[in-house]
Amino acid sequence: MLNQKQEKFINALITSSSITEACKAAEISRTTGYEYLNAASVSEKYERLQKQRNKLTLDYMQAQSYKALEYLSSVLMNDEANINERMKSAQVLLNQFSKSLEIEKRGEKFNLDSGFDFNL
């Protein structure tokens, strides 16, 4: 169980750009901040919150990516759009598709090599 200062530090650390900044927000010394991070209960909670934050960010970025791809597809399919706009849309869509295939290929290789499962 974490005390109030540890909770305040972790919450500040999640939103801060540095440990120094988080320590100031939590009203603790840097030494205490590092001691907190060395405590298993504090570091475990910090890692759990960081993973949650990363997942939320990734989910948001994926949703925005889908919207962008839908827009590019609509430009590509719009017969009234300027040909340069349509060509640029096609180029971006193909580049993104190529990158996603490469990422997928790397992920599969990483899964096989490391045994790590990305689909947690």
PDB file of N, CA and C in Angstrom:
ATOM      1  N   MET A   1       0.841  -1.184   0.000  1.00  0.00           N
ATOM      2  CA  MET A   1       0.000   0.000   0.000  1.00  0.00           C
ATOM      3  C   MET A   1       0.887   1.250   0.000  1.00  0.00           C
ATOM      4  N   LEU A   2       0.552   2.173  -0.864  1.00  0.00           N
ATOM      5  CA  LEU A   2       1.352   3.393  -0.976  1.00  0.00           C
ATOM      6  C   LEU A   2       0.795   4.484  -0.064  1.00  0.00           C
ATOM      7  N   ASN A   3       1.708   5.305   0.432  1.00  0.00           N
ATOM      8  CA  ASN A   3       1.233   6.434   1.235  1.00  0.00           C
ATOM      9  C   ASN A   3       0.847   7.589   0.303  1.00  0.00           C
ATOM     10  N   GLN A   4       0.297   8.625   0.898  1.00  0.00           N
ATOM     11  CA  GLN A   4      -0.222   9.760   0.125  1.00  0.00           C
ATOM     12  C   GLN A   4       0.881  10.461  -0.677  1.00  0.00           C
ATOM     13  N   LYS A   5       2.053  10.612  -0.095  1.00  0.00           N
ATOM     14  CA  LYS A   5       3.166  11.262  -0.802  1.00  0.00           C
ATOM     15  C   LYS A   5       3.618  10.430  -1.999  1.00  0.00           C
ATOM     16  N   GLN A   6       3.671   9.109  -1.843  1.00  0.00           N
ATOM     17  CA  GLN A   6       4.060   8.226  -2.940  1.00  0.00           C
ATOM     18  C   GLN A   6       3.048   8.303  -4.075  1.00  0.00           C
ATOM     19  N   GLU A   7       1.771   8.301  -3.719  1.00  0.00           N
ATOM     20  CA  GLU A   7       0.710   8.424  -4.733  1.00  0.00           C
ATOM     21  C   GLU A   7       0.841   9.747  -5.486  1.00  0.00           C
ATOM     22  N   LYS A   8       1.059  10.814  -4.737  1.00  0.00           N
ATOM     23  CA  LYS A   8       1.203  12.143  -5.350  1.00  0.00           C
ATOM     24  C   LYS A   8       2.407  12.172  -6.284  1.00  0.00           C
ATOM     25  N   PHE A   9       3.512  11.545  -5.847  1.00  0.00           N
ATOM     26  CA  PHE A   9       4.722  11.491  -6.674  1.00  0.00           C
ATOM     27  C   PHE A   9       4.476  10.709  -7.969  1.00  0.00           C
ATOM     28  N   ILE A  10       3.853   9.557  -7.867  1.00  0.00           N
ATOM     29  CA  ILE A  10       3.596   8.742  -9.061  1.00  0.00           C
ATOM     30  C   ILE A  10       2.704   9.498 -10.034  1.00  0.00           C
ATOM     31  N   ASN A  11       1.642  10.097  -9.536  1.00  0.00           N
ATOM     32  CA  ASN A  11       0.746  10.855 -10.418  1.00  0.00           C
ATOM     33  C   ASN A  11       1.467  12.029 -11.074  1.00  0.00           C
ATOM     34  N   ALA A  12       2.347  12.670 -10.330  1.00  0.00           N
ATOM     35  CA  ALA A  12       3.127  13.773 -10.901  1.00  0.00           C
ATOM     36  C   ALA A  12       4.128  13.250 -11.917  1.00  0.00           C
ATOM     37  N   LEU A  13       4.719  12.097 -11.636  1.00  0.00           N
ATOM     38  CA  LEU A  13       5.711  11.525 -12.541  1.00  0.00           C
ATOM     39  C   LEU A  13       5.089  11.146 -13.885  1.00  0.00           C
ATOM     40  N   ILE A  14       3.866  10.665 -13.857  1.00  0.00           N
ATOM     41  CA  ILE A  14       3.172  10.277 -15.094  1.00  0.00           C
ATOM     42  C   ILE A  14       2.974  11.483 -16.004  1.00  0.00           C
ATOM     43  N   THR A  15       2.740  12.642 -15.427  1.00  0.00           N
ATOM     44  CA  THR A  15       2.432  13.827 -16.241  1.00  0.00           C
ATOM     45  C   THR A  15       3.598  14.795 -16.382  1.00  0.00           C
ATOM     46  N   SER A  16       4.694  14.530 -15.692  1.00  0.00           N
ATOM     47  CA  SER A  16       5.844  15.441 -15.726  1.00  0.00           C
ATOM     48  C   SER A  16       6.843  15.026 -16.794  1.00  0.00           C
ATOM     49  N   SER A  17       7.705  15.966 -17.121  1.00  0.00           N
ATOM     50  CA  SER A  17       8.745  15.679 -18.111  1.00  0.00           C
ATOM     51  C   SER A  17      10.042  15.205 -17.476  1.00  0.00           C
ATOM     52  N   SER A  18      10.119  15.249 -16.143  1.00  0.00           N
ATOM     53  CA  SER A  18      11.340  14.805 -15.465  1.00  0.00           C
ATOM     54  C   SER A  18      11.029  14.407 -14.027  1.00  0.00           C
ATOM     55  N   ILE A  19      11.953  13.677 -13.448  1.00  0.00           N
ATOM     56  CA  ILE A  19      11.805  13.298 -12.036  1.00  0.00           C
ATOM     57  C   ILE A  19      11.881  14.545 -11.157  1.00  0.00           C
ATOM     58  N   THR A  20      12.762  15.466 -11.504  1.00  0.00           N
ATOM     59  CA  THR A  20      12.893  16.714 -10.740  1.00  0.00           C
ATOM     60  C   THR A  20      11.563  17.455 -10.691  1.00  0.00           C
ATOM     61  N   GLU A  21      10.920  17.562 -11.839  1.00  0.00           N
ATOM     62  CA  GLU A  21       9.628  18.242 -11.915  1.00  0.00           C
ATOM     63  C   GLU A  21       8.574  17.501 -11.084  1.00  0.00           C
ATOM     64  N   ALA A  22       8.578  16.176 -11.161  1.00  0.00           N
ATOM     65  CA  ALA A  22       7.621  15.372 -10.395  1.00  0.00           C
ATOM     66  C   ALA A  22       7.856  15.531  -8.893  1.00  0.00           C
ATOM     67  N   CYS A  23       9.115  15.577  -8.494  1.00  0.00           N
ATOM     68  CA  CYS A  23       9.437  15.753  -7.078  1.00  0.00           C
ATOM     69  C   CYS A  23       8.956  17.110  -6.569  1.00  0.00           C
ATOM     70  N   LYS A  24       9.137  18.126  -7.377  1.00  0.00           N
ATOM     71  CA  LYS A  24       8.655  19.458  -6.983  1.00  0.00           C
ATOM     72  C   LYS A  24       7.138  19.443  -6.823  1.00  0.00           C
ATOM     73  N   ALA A  25       6.438  18.826  -7.789  1.00  0.00           N
ATOM     74  CA  ALA A  25       4.979  18.769  -7.728  1.00  0.00           C
ATOM     75  C   ALA A  25       4.497  17.971  -6.515  1.00  0.00           C
ATOM     76  N   ALA A  26       5.241  16.936  -6.157  1.00  0.00           N
ATOM     77  CA  ALA A  26       4.872  16.094  -5.014  1.00  0.00           C
ATOM     78  C   ALA A  26       5.403  16.644  -3.695  1.00  0.00           C
ATOM     79  N   GLU A  27       6.183  17.721  -3.785  1.00  0.00           N
ATOM     80  CA  GLU A  27       6.761  18.370  -2.612  1.00  0.00           C
ATOM     81  C   GLU A  27       7.649  17.417  -1.817  1.00  0.00           C
ATOM     82  N   ILE A  28       8.529  16.731  -2.573  1.00  0.00           N
ATOM     83  CA  ILE A  28       9.518  15.840  -1.961  1.00  0.00           C
ATOM     84  C   ILE A  28      10.876  16.138  -2.584  1.00  0.00           C
ATOM     85  N   SER A  29      11.931  15.670  -1.937  1.00  0.00           N
ATOM     86  CA  SER A  29      13.269  15.868  -2.491  1.00  0.00           C
ATOM     87  C   SER A  29      13.517  14.862  -3.611  1.00  0.00           C
ATOM     88  N   ARG A  30      14.509  15.151  -4.438  1.00  0.00           N
ATOM     89  CA  ARG A  30      14.880  14.205  -5.493  1.00  0.00           C
ATOM     90  C   ARG A  30      15.361  12.889  -4.893  1.00  0.00           C
ATOM     91  N   THR A  31      16.071  12.972  -3.798  1.00  0.00           N
ATOM     92  CA  THR A  31      16.548  11.765  -3.127  1.00  0.00           C
ATOM     93  C   THR A  31      15.365  10.882  -2.739  1.00  0.00           C
ATOM     94  N   THR A  32      14.348  11.485  -2.168  1.00  0.00           N
ATOM     95  CA  THR A  32      13.143  10.734  -1.785  1.00  0.00           C
ATOM     96  C   THR A  32      12.453  10.179  -3.013  1.00  0.00           C
ATOM     97  N   GLY A  33      12.404  10.950  -4.079  1.00  0.00           N
ATOM     98  CA  GLY A  33      11.792  10.467  -5.326  1.00  0.00           C
ATOM     99  C   GLY A  33      12.494   9.219  -5.835  1.00  0.00           C
ATOM    100  N   TYR A  34      13.803   9.240  -5.838  1.00  0.00           N
ATOM    101  CA  TYR A  34      14.559   8.063  -6.281  1.00  0.00           C
ATOM    102  C   TYR A  34      14.381   6.892  -5.320  1.00  0.00           C
ATOM    103  N   GLU A  35      14.289   7.185  -4.027  1.00  0.00           N
ATOM    104  CA  GLU A  35      14.021   6.112  -3.054  1.00  0.00           C
ATOM    105  C   GLU A  35      12.656   5.488  -3.329  1.00  0.00           C
ATOM    106  N   TYR A  36      11.668   6.342  -3.636  1.00  0.00           N
ATOM    107  CA  TYR A  36      10.343   5.820  -3.966  1.00  0.00           C
ATOM    108  C   TYR A  36      10.416   4.907  -5.192  1.00  0.00           C
ATOM    109  N   LEU A  37      11.139   5.346  -6.202  1.00  0.00           N
ATOM    110  CA  LEU A  37      11.227   4.543  -7.432  1.00  0.00           C
ATOM    111  C   LEU A  37      11.933   3.215  -7.211  1.00  0.00           C
ATOM    112  N   ASN A  38      12.801   3.150  -6.213  1.00  0.00           N
ATOM    113  CA  ASN A  38      13.481   1.897  -5.898  1.00  0.00           C
ATOM    114  C   ASN A  38      12.608   0.945  -5.088  1.00  0.00           C
ATOM    115  N   ALA A  39      11.519   1.452  -4.537  1.00  0.00           N
ATOM    116  CA  ALA A  39      10.591   0.598  -3.794  1.00  0.00           C
ATOM    117  C   ALA A  39       9.727  -0.164  -4.792  1.00  0.00           C
ATOM    118  N   ALA A  40       9.633  -1.458  -4.610  1.00  0.00           N
ATOM    119  CA  ALA A  40       8.906  -2.308  -5.569  1.00  0.00           C
ATOM    120  C   ALA A  40       7.457  -1.870  -5.743  1.00  0.00           C
ATOM    121  N   SER A  41       6.769  -1.553  -4.653  1.00  0.00           N
ATOM    122  CA  SER A  41       5.347  -1.198  -4.749  1.00  0.00           C
ATOM    123  C   SER A  41       5.145   0.081  -5.560  1.00  0.00           C
ATOM    124  N   VAL A  42       6.052   1.035  -5.395  1.00  0.00           N
ATOM    125  CA  VAL A  42       5.949   2.309  -6.126  1.00  0.00           C
ATOM    126  C   VAL A  42       6.278   2.091  -7.597  1.00  0.00           C
ATOM    127  N   SER A  43       7.377   1.405  -7.878  1.00  0.00           N
ATOM    128  CA  SER A  43       7.768   1.204  -9.278  1.00  0.00           C
ATOM    129  C   SER A  43       6.749   0.350 -10.016  1.00  0.00           C
ATOM    130  N   GLU A  44       6.151  -0.638  -9.351  1.00  0.00           N
ATOM    131  CA  GLU A  44       5.124  -1.464  -9.994  1.00  0.00           C
ATOM    132  C   GLU A  44       3.899  -0.637 -10.355  1.00  0.00           C
ATOM    133  N   LYS A  45       3.457   0.211  -9.430  1.00  0.00           N
ATOM    134  CA  LYS A  45       2.298   1.048  -9.732  1.00  0.00           C
ATOM    135  C   LYS A  45       2.625   2.044 -10.839  1.00  0.00           C
ATOM    136  N   TYR A  46       3.824   2.621 -10.794  1.00  0.00           N
ATOM    137  CA  TYR A  46       4.226   3.556 -11.837  1.00  0.00           C
ATOM    138  C   TYR A  46       4.219   2.867 -13.203  1.00  0.00           C
ATOM    139  N   GLU A  47       4.799   1.682 -13.283  1.00  0.00           N
ATOM    140  CA  GLU A  47       4.830   0.939 -14.545  1.00  0.00           C
ATOM    141  C   GLU A  47       3.424   0.605 -15.033  1.00  0.00           C
ATOM    142  N   ARG A  48       2.546   0.225 -14.118  1.00  0.00           N
ATOM    143  CA  ARG A  48       1.162  -0.093 -14.485  1.00  0.00           C
ATOM    144  C   ARG A  48       0.455   1.147 -15.040  1.00  0.00           C
ATOM    145  N   LEU A  49       0.615   2.283 -14.370  1.00  0.00           N
ATOM    146  CA  LEU A  49      -0.004   3.523 -14.852  1.00  0.00           C
ATOM    147  C   LEU A  49       0.589   3.969 -16.182  1.00  0.00           C
ATOM    148  N   GLN A  50       1.890   3.798 -16.335  1.00  0.00           N
ATOM    149  CA  GLN A  50       2.563   4.161 -17.589  1.00  0.00           C
ATOM    150  C   GLN A  50       2.029   3.301 -18.737  1.00  0.00           C
ATOM    151  N   LYS A  51       1.853   2.009 -18.500  1.00  0.00           N
ATOM    152  CA  LYS A  51       1.305   1.124 -19.530  1.00  0.00           C
ATOM    153  C   LYS A  51      -0.113   1.530 -19.896  1.00  0.00           C
ATOM    154  N   GLN A  52      -0.921   1.883 -18.887  1.00  0.00           N
ATOM    155  CA  GLN A  52      -2.287   2.340 -19.160  1.00  0.00           C
ATOM    156  C   GLN A  52      -2.270   3.610 -20.000  1.00  0.00           C
ATOM    157  N   ARG A  53      -1.395   4.535 -19.629  1.00  0.00           N
ATOM    158  CA  ARG A  53      -1.285   5.797 -20.377  1.00  0.00           C
ATOM    159  C   ARG A  53      -0.844   5.532 -21.818  1.00  0.00           C
ATOM    160  N   ASN A  54       0.144   4.653 -21.980  1.00  0.00           N
ATOM    161  CA  ASN A  54       0.624   4.327 -23.321  1.00  0.00           C
ATOM    162  C   ASN A  54      -0.471   3.680 -24.159  1.00  0.00           C
ATOM    163  N   LYS A  55      -1.263   2.802 -23.543  1.00  0.00           N
ATOM    164  CA  LYS A  55      -2.348   2.149 -24.275  1.00  0.00           C
ATOM    165  C   LYS A  55      -3.400   3.164 -24.710  1.00  0.00           C
ATOM    166  N   LEU A  56      -3.752   4.077 -23.823  1.00  0.00           N
ATOM    167  CA  LEU A  56      -4.714   5.122 -24.181  1.00  0.00           C
ATOM    168  C   LEU A  56      -4.193   5.982 -25.329  1.00  0.00           C
ATOM    169  N   THR A  57      -2.921   6.330 -25.261  1.00  0.00           N
ATOM    170  CA  THR A  57      -2.307   7.129 -26.324  1.00  0.00           C
ATOM    171  C   THR A  57      -2.313   6.365 -27.638  1.00  0.00           C
ATOM    172  N   LEU A  58      -1.937   5.106 -27.590  1.00  0.00           N
ATOM    173  CA  LEU A  58      -1.922   4.281 -28.799  1.00  0.00           C
ATOM    174  C   LEU A  58      -3.326   4.132 -29.381  1.00  0.00           C
ATOM    175  N   ASP A  59      -4.311   3.883 -28.528  1.00  0.00           N
ATOM    176  CA  ASP A  59      -5.691   3.760 -28.997  1.00  0.00           C
ATOM    177  C   ASP A  59      -6.153   5.048 -29.680  1.00  0.00           C
ATOM    178  N   TYR A  60      -5.817   6.186 -29.072  1.00  0.00           N
ATOM    179  CA  TYR A  60      -6.188   7.475 -29.649  1.00  0.00           C
ATOM    180  C   TYR A  60      -5.513   7.677 -31.007  1.00  0.00           C
ATOM    181  N   MET A  61      -4.226   7.380 -31.067  1.00  0.00           N
ATOM    182  CA  MET A  61      -3.486   7.556 -32.324  1.00  0.00           C
ATOM    183  C   MET A  61      -4.013   6.627 -33.416  1.00  0.00           C
ATOM    184  N   GLN A  62      -4.389   5.415 -33.061  1.00  0.00           N
ATOM    185  CA  GLN A  62      -4.950   4.497 -34.049  1.00  0.00           C
ATOM    186  C   GLN A  62      -6.270   5.034 -34.581  1.00  0.00           C
ATOM    187  N   ALA A  63      -7.107   5.546 -33.688  1.00  0.00           N
ATOM    188  CA  ALA A  63      -8.388   6.106 -34.122  1.00  0.00           C
ATOM    189  C   ALA A  63      -8.169   7.291 -35.065  1.00  0.00           C
ATOM    190  N   GLN A  64      -7.217   8.152 -34.731  1.00  0.00           N
ATOM    191  CA  GLN A  64      -6.931   9.295 -35.592  1.00  0.00           C
ATOM    192  C   GLN A  64      -6.345   8.857 -36.928  1.00  0.00           C
ATOM    193  N   SER A  65      -5.542   7.804 -36.908  1.00  0.00           N
ATOM    194  CA  SER A  65      -4.963   7.265 -38.148  1.00  0.00           C
ATOM    195  C   SER A  65      -6.054   6.745 -39.068  1.00  0.00           C
ATOM    196  N   TYR A  66      -7.025   6.050 -38.492  1.00  0.00           N
ATOM    197  CA  TYR A  66      -8.137   5.542 -39.303  1.00  0.00           C
ATOM    198  C   TYR A  66      -8.902   6.695 -39.951  1.00  0.00           C
ATOM    199  N   LYS A  67      -9.116   7.757 -39.183  1.00  0.00           N
ATOM    200  CA  LYS A  67      -9.810   8.930 -39.734  1.00  0.00           C
ATOM    201  C   LYS A  67      -9.009   9.541 -40.875  1.00  0.00           C
ATOM    202  N   ALA A  68      -7.704   9.638 -40.686  1.00  0.00           N
ATOM    203  CA  ALA A  68      -6.852  10.212 -41.732  1.00  0.00           C
ATOM    204  C   ALA A  68      -6.874   9.341 -42.988  1.00  0.00           C
ATOM    205  N   LEU A  69      -6.817   8.031 -42.805  1.00  0.00           N
ATOM    206  CA  LEU A  69      -6.858   7.131 -43.957  1.00  0.00           C
ATOM    207  C   LEU A  69      -8.210   7.201 -44.676  1.00  0.00           C
ATOM    208  N   GLU A  70      -9.282   7.319 -43.912  1.00  0.00           N
ATOM    209  CA  GLU A  70     -10.603   7.476 -44.522  1.00  0.00           C
ATOM    210  C   GLU A  70     -10.660   8.757 -45.349  1.00  0.00           C
ATOM    211  N   TYR A  71     -10.095   9.836 -44.807  1.00  0.00           N
ATOM    212  CA  TYR A  71     -10.081  11.106 -45.543  1.00  0.00           C
ATOM    213  C   TYR A  71      -9.272  10.975 -46.828  1.00  0.00           C
ATOM    214  N   LEU A  72      -8.082  10.396 -46.720  1.00  0.00           N
ATOM    215  CA  LEU A  72      -7.247  10.222 -47.915  1.00  0.00           C
ATOM    216  C   LEU A  72      -7.951   9.347 -48.951  1.00  0.00           C
ATOM    217  N   SER A  73      -8.635   8.329 -48.497  1.00  0.00           N
ATOM    218  CA  SER A  73      -9.386   7.469 -49.419  1.00  0.00           C
ATOM    219  C   SER A  73     -10.499   8.243 -50.098  1.00  0.00           C
ATOM    220  N   SER A  74     -11.161   9.108 -49.345  1.00  0.00           N
ATOM    221  CA  SER A  74     -12.245   9.892 -49.949  1.00  0.00           C
ATOM    222  C   SER A  74     -11.709  10.859 -50.999  1.00  0.00           C
ATOM    223  N   VAL A  75     -10.534  11.446 -50.748  1.00  0.00           N
ATOM    224  CA  VAL A  75      -9.907  12.330 -51.741  1.00  0.00           C
ATOM    225  C   VAL A  75      -9.529  11.531 -52.977  1.00  0.00           C
ATOM    226  N   LEU A  76      -8.948  10.371 -52.765  1.00  0.00           N
ATOM    227  CA  LEU A  76      -8.537   9.508 -53.875  1.00  0.00           C
ATOM    228  C   LEU A  76      -9.730   9.136 -54.756  1.00  0.00           C
ATOM    229  N   MET A  77     -10.846   8.860 -54.148  1.00  0.00           N
ATOM    230  CA  MET A  77     -12.026   8.407 -54.899  1.00  0.00           C
ATOM    231  C   MET A  77     -12.885   9.551 -55.432  1.00  0.00           C
ATOM    232  N   ASN A  78     -12.580  10.778 -55.069  1.00  0.00           N
ATOM    233  CA  ASN A  78     -13.366  11.929 -55.490  1.00  0.00           C
ATOM    234  C   ASN A  78     -12.960  12.350 -56.898  1.00  0.00           C
ATOM    235  N   ASP A  79     -13.835  12.094 -57.852  1.00  0.00           N
ATOM    236  CA  ASP A  79     -13.552  12.438 -59.244  1.00  0.00           C
ATOM    237  C   ASP A  79     -13.435  13.950 -59.468  1.00  0.00           C
ATOM    238  N   GLU A  80     -13.985  14.727 -58.565  1.00  0.00           N
ATOM    239  CA  GLU A  80     -13.928  16.177 -58.707  1.00  0.00           C
ATOM    240  C   GLU A  80     -12.679  16.781 -58.072  1.00  0.00           C
ATOM    241  N   ALA A  81     -11.924  15.991 -57.349  1.00  0.00           N
ATOM    242  CA  ALA A  81     -10.704  16.493 -56.703  1.00  0.00           C
ATOM    243  C   ALA A  81      -9.613  16.693 -57.748  1.00  0.00           C
ATOM    244  N   ASN A  82      -8.733  17.612 -57.461  1.00  0.00           N
ATOM    245  CA  ASN A  82      -7.583  17.890 -58.303  1.00  0.00           C
ATOM    246  C   ASN A  82      -6.758  16.615 -58.452  1.00  0.00           C
ATOM    247  N   ILE A  83      -6.258  16.364 -59.663  1.00  0.00           N
ATOM    248  CA  ILE A  83      -5.489  15.146 -59.918  1.00  0.00           C
ATOM    249  C   ILE A  83      -4.241  15.063 -59.033  1.00  0.00           C
ATOM    250  N   ASN A  84      -3.602  16.205 -58.756  1.00  0.00           N
ATOM    251  CA  ASN A  84      -2.425  16.209 -57.879  1.00  0.00           C
ATOM    252  C   ASN A  84      -2.794  15.789 -56.456  1.00  0.00           C
ATOM    253  N   GLU A  85      -3.958  16.250 -55.988  1.00  0.00           N
ATOM    254  CA  GLU A  85      -4.431  15.856 -54.657  1.00  0.00           C
ATOM    255  C   GLU A  85      -4.722  14.361 -54.621  1.00  0.00           C
ATOM    256  N   ARG A  86      -5.326  13.851 -55.690  1.00  0.00           N
ATOM    257  CA  ARG A  86      -5.648  12.422 -55.751  1.00  0.00           C
ATOM    258  C   ARG A  86      -4.371  11.579 -55.801  1.00  0.00           C
ATOM    259  N   MET A  87      -3.400  12.027 -56.576  1.00  0.00           N
ATOM    260  CA  MET A  87      -2.139  11.293 -56.674  1.00  0.00           C
ATOM    261  C   MET A  87      -1.387  11.313 -55.335  1.00  0.00           C
ATOM    262  N   LYS A  88      -1.383  12.462 -54.688  1.00  0.00           N
ATOM    263  CA  LYS A  88      -0.720  12.570 -53.391  1.00  0.00           C
ATOM    264  C   LYS A  88      -1.412  11.652 -52.367  1.00  0.00           C
ATOM    265  N   SER A  89      -2.724  11.615 -52.390  1.00  0.00           N
ATOM    266  CA  SER A  89      -3.468  10.733 -51.494  1.00  0.00           C
ATOM    267  C   SER A  89      -3.116   9.277 -51.752  1.00  0.00           C
ATOM    268  N   ALA A  90      -3.050   8.904 -53.009  1.00  0.00           N
ATOM    269  CA  ALA A  90      -2.692   7.526 -53.366  1.00  0.00           C
ATOM    270  C   ALA A  90      -1.286   7.199 -52.873  1.00  0.00           C
ATOM    271  N   GLN A  91      -0.373   8.135 -53.065  1.00  0.00           N
ATOM    272  CA  GLN A  91       1.009   7.924 -52.640  1.00  0.00           C
ATOM    273  C   GLN A  91       1.098   7.736 -51.121  1.00  0.00           C
ATOM    274  N   VAL A  92       0.425   8.582 -50.370  1.00  0.00           N
ATOM    275  CA  VAL A  92       0.452   8.483 -48.907  1.00  0.00           C
ATOM    276  C   VAL A  92      -0.176   7.174 -48.450  1.00  0.00           C
ATOM    277  N   LEU A  93      -1.310   6.803 -49.049  1.00  0.00           N
ATOM    278  CA  LEU A  93      -1.970   5.542 -48.686  1.00  0.00           C
ATOM    279  C   LEU A  93      -1.064   4.343 -48.949  1.00  0.00           C
ATOM    280  N   LEU A  94      -0.419   4.321 -50.104  1.00  0.00           N
ATOM    281  CA  LEU A  94       0.483   3.210 -50.425  1.00  0.00           C
ATOM    282  C   LEU A  94       1.691   3.176 -49.495  1.00  0.00           C
ATOM    283  N   ASN A  95       2.233   4.333 -49.182  1.00  0.00           N
ATOM    284  CA  ASN A  95       3.371   4.391 -48.252  1.00  0.00           C
ATOM    285  C   ASN A  95       2.975   3.873 -46.868  1.00  0.00           C
ATOM    286  N   GLN A  96       1.809   4.286 -46.392  1.00  0.00           N
ATOM    287  CA  GLN A  96       1.348   3.828 -45.085  1.00  0.00           C
ATOM    288  C   GLN A  96       1.090   2.323 -45.079  1.00  0.00           C
ATOM    289  N   PHE A  97       0.526   1.822 -46.160  1.00  0.00           N
ATOM    290  CA  PHE A  97       0.280   0.387 -46.272  1.00  0.00           C
ATOM    291  C   PHE A  97       1.604  -0.373 -46.234  1.00  0.00           C
ATOM    292  N   SER A  98       2.579   0.115 -46.972  1.00  0.00           N
ATOM    293  CA  SER A  98       3.894  -0.518 -47.002  1.00  0.00           C
ATOM    294  C   SER A  98       4.540  -0.507 -45.618  1.00  0.00           C
ATOM    295  N   LYS A  99       4.445   0.609 -44.914  1.00  0.00           N
ATOM    296  CA  LYS A  99       5.011   0.707 -43.571  1.00  0.00           C
ATOM    297  C   LYS A  99       4.305  -0.244 -42.611  1.00  0.00           C
ATOM    298  N   SER A 100       2.985  -0.349 -42.719  1.00  0.00           N
ATOM    299  CA  SER A 100       2.252  -1.234 -41.813  1.00  0.00           C
ATOM    300  C   SER A 100       2.623  -2.691 -42.052  1.00  0.00           C
ATOM    301  N   LEU A 101       2.866  -3.063 -43.316  1.00  0.00           N
ATOM    302  CA  LEU A 101       3.305  -4.430 -43.605  1.00  0.00           C
ATOM    303  C   LEU A 101       4.680  -4.699 -42.995  1.00  0.00           C
ATOM    304  N   GLU A 102       5.567  -3.723 -43.097  1.00  0.00           N
ATOM    305  CA  GLU A 102       6.905  -3.874 -42.534  1.00  0.00           C
ATOM    306  C   GLU A 102       6.850  -3.991 -41.015  1.00  0.00           C
ATOM    307  N   ILE A 103       6.030  -3.176 -40.394  1.00  0.00           N
ATOM    308  CA  ILE A 103       5.880  -3.238 -38.939  1.00  0.00           C
ATOM    309  C   ILE A 103       5.311  -4.585 -38.517  1.00  0.00           C
ATOM    310  N   GLU A 104       4.322  -5.046 -39.249  1.00  0.00           N
ATOM    311  CA  GLU A 104       3.726  -6.350 -38.944  1.00  0.00           C
ATOM    312  C   GLU A 104       4.764  -7.460 -39.081  1.00  0.00           C
ATOM    313  N   LYS A 105       5.559  -7.386 -40.142  1.00  0.00           N
ATOM    314  CA  LYS A 105       6.597  -8.391 -40.366  1.00  0.00           C
ATOM    315  C   LYS A 105       7.614  -8.378 -39.230  1.00  0.00           C
ATOM    316  N   ARG A 106       8.030  -7.176 -38.805  1.00  0.00           N
ATOM    317  CA  ARG A 106       8.982  -7.060 -37.695  1.00  0.00           C
ATOM    318  C   ARG A 106       8.377  -7.591 -36.403  1.00  0.00           C
ATOM    319  N   GLY A 107       7.103  -7.289 -36.185  1.00  0.00           N
ATOM    320  CA  GLY A 107       6.418  -7.770 -34.984  1.00  0.00           C
ATOM    321  C   GLY A 107       6.343  -9.278 -34.949  1.00  0.00           C
ATOM    322  N   GLU A 108       6.040  -9.909 -36.075  1.00  0.00           N
ATOM    323  CA  GLU A 108       5.985 -11.365 -36.130  1.00  0.00           C
ATOM    324  C   GLU A 108       7.365 -11.949 -35.872  1.00  0.00           C
ATOM    325  N   LYS A 109       8.403 -11.336 -36.441  1.00  0.00           N
ATOM    326  CA  LYS A 109       9.762 -11.826 -36.224  1.00  0.00           C
ATOM    327  C   LYS A 109      10.125 -11.678 -34.758  1.00  0.00           C
ATOM    328  N   PHE A 110       9.769 -10.549 -34.166  1.00  0.00           N
ATOM    329  CA  PHE A 110      10.070 -10.321 -32.769  1.00  0.00           C
ATOM    330  C   PHE A 110       9.336 -11.331 -31.895  1.00  0.00           C
ATOM    331  N   ASN A 111       8.075 -11.605 -32.213  1.00  0.00           N
ATOM    332  CA  ASN A 111       7.319 -12.602 -31.464  1.00  0.00           C
ATOM    333  C   ASN A 111       8.000 -13.958 -31.515  1.00  0.00           C
ATOM    334  N   LEU A 112       8.465 -14.355 -32.694  1.00  0.00           N
ATOM    335  CA  LEU A 112       9.122 -15.659 -32.852  1.00  0.00           C
ATOM    336  C   LEU A 112      10.466 -15.688 -32.142  1.00  0.00           C
ATOM    337  N   ASP A 113      11.221 -14.596 -32.254  1.00  0.00           N
ATOM    338  CA  ASP A 113      12.560 -14.550 -31.664  1.00  0.00           C
ATOM    339  C   ASP A 113      12.527 -14.452 -30.152  1.00  0.00           C
ATOM    340  N   SER A 114      11.612 -13.678 -29.608  1.00  0.00           N
ATOM    341  CA  SER A 114      11.646 -13.396 -28.184  1.00  0.00           C
ATOM    342  C   SER A 114      10.602 -14.150 -27.384  1.00  0.00           C
ATOM    343  N   GLY A 115       9.581 -14.636 -28.051  1.00  0.00           N
ATOM    344  CA  GLY A 115       8.493 -15.269 -27.325  1.00  0.00           C
ATOM    345  C   GLY A 115       7.536 -14.261 -26.725  1.00  0.00           C
ATOM    346  N   PHE A 116       7.784 -12.972 -26.964  1.00  0.00           N
ATOM    347  CA  PHE A 116       6.898 -11.926 -26.415  1.00  0.00           C
ATOM    348  C   PHE A 116       5.635 -11.841 -27.247  1.00  0.00           C
ATOM    349  N   ASP A 117       4.495 -11.745 -26.579  1.00  0.00           N
ATOM    350  CA  ASP A 117       3.218 -11.675 -27.265  1.00  0.00           C
ATOM    351  C   ASP A 117       2.716 -10.229 -27.249  1.00  0.00           C
ATOM    352  N   PHE A 118       2.632  -9.594 -28.429  1.00  0.00           N
ATOM    353  CA  PHE A 118       2.161  -8.214 -28.531  1.00  0.00           C
ATOM    354  C   PHE A 118       0.660  -8.118 -28.293  1.00  0.00           C
ATOM    355  N   ASN A 119      -0.065  -9.180 -28.385  1.00  0.00           N
ATOM    356  CA  ASN A 119      -1.529  -9.155 -28.289  1.00  0.00           C
ATOM    357  C   ASN A 119      -2.003  -9.413 -26.866  1.00  0.00           C
ATOM    358  N   LEU A 120      -1.418  -8.733 -25.909  1.00  0.00           N
ATOM    359  CA  LEU A 120      -1.809  -8.908 -24.511  1.00  0.00           C
ATOM    360  C   LEU A 120      -3.096  -8.207 -24.206  1.00  0.00           C
TER     361      LEU A 120
END
